[in-house]
């Protein structure tokens, strides 16, 4: 099990949190997603996590992410 922490910009409400959580949860290997709206942080836990794929999923939700 590994953990990946990312900074996400552009999130302003709970709808944003739900969108990011939904998109990231669909990535292979992801077991849990924790989004901290106030800090603009996303923590992903799972196995064989692909950082670029997770960043792309966040972009699909409409937000920018970085390590």
N, C-alpha and C. Protein backbone atom coordinates (compact mmCIF):
# COMPACT_ATOMS: atom_id res chain seq x y z
N UNK A 1 0.84 -1.17 0.00
CA UNK A 1 0.00 0.00 0.00
C UNK A 1 0.90 1.24 0.00
N UNK A 2 0.57 2.18 -0.86
CA UNK A 2 1.34 3.42 -0.92
C UNK A 2 0.39 4.61 -0.83
N UNK A 3 0.97 5.76 -0.49
CA UNK A 3 0.20 6.99 -0.35
C UNK A 3 0.83 8.07 -1.21
N UNK A 4 -0.01 8.81 -1.91
CA UNK A 4 0.43 9.91 -2.77
C UNK A 4 -0.29 11.17 -2.33
N UNK A 5 0.46 12.23 -2.07
CA UNK A 5 -0.13 13.51 -1.68
C UNK A 5 0.09 14.53 -2.78
N UNK A 6 -0.98 15.21 -3.17
CA UNK A 6 -0.92 16.20 -4.24
C UNK A 6 -1.54 17.51 -3.77
N UNK A 7 -1.10 18.60 -4.39
CA UNK A 7 -1.71 19.91 -4.19
C UNK A 7 -2.61 20.17 -5.38
N UNK A 8 -3.85 20.58 -5.10
CA UNK A 8 -4.82 20.83 -6.16
C UNK A 8 -5.28 22.28 -6.06
N UNK A 9 -5.27 22.97 -7.20
CA UNK A 9 -5.72 24.36 -7.22
C UNK A 9 -7.05 24.47 -7.96
N UNK A 10 -7.86 25.43 -7.53
CA UNK A 10 -9.13 25.71 -8.19
C UNK A 10 -10.35 25.17 -7.48
N UNK A 11 -10.18 24.34 -6.47
CA UNK A 11 -11.34 23.81 -5.75
C UNK A 11 -11.89 24.89 -4.81
N UNK A 12 -13.21 25.08 -4.86
CA UNK A 12 -13.82 26.13 -4.02
C UNK A 12 -15.00 25.66 -3.19
N UNK A 13 -15.52 24.44 -3.47
CA UNK A 13 -16.73 24.01 -2.76
C UNK A 13 -16.78 22.49 -2.65
N UNK A 14 -17.82 21.99 -2.00
CA UNK A 14 -17.97 20.55 -1.84
C UNK A 14 -18.24 19.84 -3.16
N UNK A 15 -18.83 20.53 -4.12
CA UNK A 15 -19.02 19.94 -5.44
C UNK A 15 -17.65 19.64 -6.07
N UNK A 16 -16.71 20.55 -5.88
CA UNK A 16 -15.34 20.35 -6.37
C UNK A 16 -14.73 19.10 -5.73
N UNK A 17 -14.91 18.98 -4.43
CA UNK A 17 -14.39 17.82 -3.70
C UNK A 17 -14.99 16.53 -4.25
N UNK A 18 -16.30 16.54 -4.48
CA UNK A 18 -16.98 15.36 -4.99
C UNK A 18 -16.49 15.00 -6.39
N UNK A 19 -16.27 16.00 -7.23
CA UNK A 19 -15.80 15.76 -8.59
C UNK A 19 -14.41 15.12 -8.60
N UNK A 20 -13.51 15.69 -7.80
CA UNK A 20 -12.14 15.16 -7.72
C UNK A 20 -12.17 13.75 -7.14
N UNK A 21 -12.94 13.55 -6.08
CA UNK A 21 -13.01 12.23 -5.45
C UNK A 21 -13.52 11.20 -6.45
N UNK A 22 -14.55 11.52 -7.19
CA UNK A 22 -15.13 10.59 -8.17
C UNK A 22 -14.11 10.22 -9.25
N UNK A 23 -13.48 11.22 -9.85
CA UNK A 23 -12.54 10.94 -10.94
C UNK A 23 -11.34 10.13 -10.46
N UNK A 24 -10.78 10.49 -9.31
CA UNK A 24 -9.58 9.79 -8.82
C UNK A 24 -9.94 8.38 -8.37
N UNK A 25 -11.13 8.20 -7.80
CA UNK A 25 -11.54 6.87 -7.34
C UNK A 25 -11.63 5.87 -8.49
N UNK A 26 -11.85 6.35 -9.70
CA UNK A 26 -11.97 5.47 -10.86
C UNK A 26 -10.63 5.01 -11.43
N UNK A 27 -9.53 5.57 -10.93
CA UNK A 27 -8.20 5.18 -11.41
C UNK A 27 -7.82 3.81 -10.84
N UNK A 28 -7.28 2.96 -11.69
CA UNK A 28 -6.86 1.62 -11.27
C UNK A 28 -5.87 1.69 -10.11
N UNK A 29 -6.09 0.86 -9.10
CA UNK A 29 -5.19 0.77 -7.96
C UNK A 29 -5.56 1.67 -6.80
N UNK A 30 -6.43 2.64 -7.03
CA UNK A 30 -6.81 3.58 -5.96
C UNK A 30 -7.80 2.89 -5.02
N UNK A 31 -7.49 2.95 -3.72
CA UNK A 31 -8.37 2.35 -2.72
C UNK A 31 -9.12 3.41 -1.92
N UNK A 32 -8.49 4.57 -1.70
CA UNK A 32 -9.18 5.64 -0.99
C UNK A 32 -8.66 7.00 -1.44
N UNK A 33 -9.54 8.00 -1.34
CA UNK A 33 -9.21 9.37 -1.72
C UNK A 33 -9.69 10.28 -0.60
N UNK A 34 -8.79 11.13 -0.10
CA UNK A 34 -9.16 12.11 0.92
C UNK A 34 -8.83 13.50 0.37
N UNK A 35 -9.85 14.35 0.30
CA UNK A 35 -9.68 15.70 -0.24
C UNK A 35 -9.87 16.70 0.89
N UNK A 36 -8.89 17.58 1.06
CA UNK A 36 -8.95 18.65 2.05
C UNK A 36 -9.17 19.96 1.30
N UNK A 37 -10.40 20.44 1.26
CA UNK A 37 -10.75 21.63 0.49
C UNK A 37 -9.97 22.86 0.96
N UNK A 38 -9.94 23.09 2.26
CA UNK A 38 -9.28 24.29 2.80
C UNK A 38 -7.79 24.35 2.48
N UNK A 39 -7.14 23.18 2.45
CA UNK A 39 -5.71 23.13 2.18
C UNK A 39 -5.40 22.90 0.71
N UNK A 40 -6.40 22.55 -0.09
CA UNK A 40 -6.17 22.24 -1.49
C UNK A 40 -5.31 21.01 -1.64
N UNK A 41 -5.58 20.02 -0.80
CA UNK A 41 -4.74 18.81 -0.80
C UNK A 41 -5.58 17.57 -1.10
N UNK A 42 -4.97 16.64 -1.81
CA UNK A 42 -5.59 15.35 -2.08
C UNK A 42 -4.59 14.27 -1.69
N UNK A 43 -5.04 13.32 -0.88
CA UNK A 43 -4.22 12.19 -0.49
C UNK A 43 -4.87 10.93 -1.05
N UNK A 44 -4.09 10.18 -1.82
CA UNK A 44 -4.59 8.98 -2.47
C UNK A 44 -3.83 7.78 -1.90
N UNK A 45 -4.58 6.76 -1.54
CA UNK A 45 -3.98 5.54 -1.01
C UNK A 45 -4.37 4.38 -1.91
N UNK A 46 -3.41 3.50 -2.19
CA UNK A 46 -3.69 2.34 -3.02
C UNK A 46 -2.42 1.58 -3.33
N UNK A 47 -2.49 0.79 -4.39
CA UNK A 47 -1.32 0.02 -4.78
C UNK A 47 -1.00 0.30 -6.24
N UNK A 48 0.28 0.32 -6.56
CA UNK A 48 0.77 0.60 -7.91
C UNK A 48 0.17 1.88 -8.47
N UNK A 49 0.21 2.94 -7.66
CA UNK A 49 -0.36 4.22 -8.09
C UNK A 49 0.50 4.87 -9.16
N UNK A 50 -0.15 5.39 -10.19
CA UNK A 50 0.53 6.10 -11.26
C UNK A 50 0.24 7.58 -11.10
N UNK A 51 1.25 8.35 -10.70
CA UNK A 51 1.07 9.77 -10.42
C UNK A 51 0.49 10.53 -11.61
N UNK A 52 1.01 10.28 -12.79
CA UNK A 52 0.53 11.01 -13.97
C UNK A 52 -0.93 10.70 -14.28
N UNK A 53 -1.33 9.46 -14.08
CA UNK A 53 -2.72 9.08 -14.31
C UNK A 53 -3.64 9.77 -13.31
N UNK A 54 -3.21 9.88 -12.07
CA UNK A 54 -4.01 10.54 -11.05
C UNK A 54 -4.10 12.03 -11.32
N UNK A 55 -3.00 12.65 -11.72
CA UNK A 55 -3.03 14.07 -12.08
C UNK A 55 -3.95 14.29 -13.28
N UNK A 56 -3.94 13.38 -14.23
CA UNK A 56 -4.83 13.48 -15.39
C UNK A 56 -6.30 13.35 -14.97
N UNK A 57 -6.58 12.48 -14.02
CA UNK A 57 -7.95 12.32 -13.52
C UNK A 57 -8.43 13.61 -12.85
N UNK A 58 -7.54 14.25 -12.11
CA UNK A 58 -7.89 15.52 -11.46
C UNK A 58 -8.12 16.59 -12.52
N UNK A 59 -7.31 16.58 -13.57
CA UNK A 59 -7.51 17.52 -14.68
C UNK A 59 -8.84 17.27 -15.37
N UNK A 60 -9.22 16.00 -15.49
CA UNK A 60 -10.51 15.64 -16.10
C UNK A 60 -11.67 16.24 -15.29
N UNK A 61 -11.47 16.35 -13.97
CA UNK A 61 -12.49 16.95 -13.10
C UNK A 61 -12.47 18.48 -13.21
N UNK A 62 -11.43 19.03 -13.86
CA UNK A 62 -11.36 20.47 -14.09
C UNK A 62 -10.42 21.24 -13.21
N UNK A 63 -9.47 20.55 -12.58
CA UNK A 63 -8.55 21.20 -11.64
C UNK A 63 -7.09 20.86 -11.98
N UNK A 64 -6.20 21.70 -11.51
CA UNK A 64 -4.76 21.48 -11.72
C UNK A 64 -4.17 20.85 -10.47
N UNK A 65 -3.29 19.88 -10.68
CA UNK A 65 -2.66 19.19 -9.56
C UNK A 65 -1.15 19.12 -9.76
N UNK A 66 -0.44 19.12 -8.64
CA UNK A 66 1.02 18.97 -8.68
C UNK A 66 1.46 18.23 -7.42
N UNK A 67 2.66 17.70 -7.50
CA UNK A 67 3.22 16.95 -6.36
C UNK A 67 3.72 17.92 -5.32
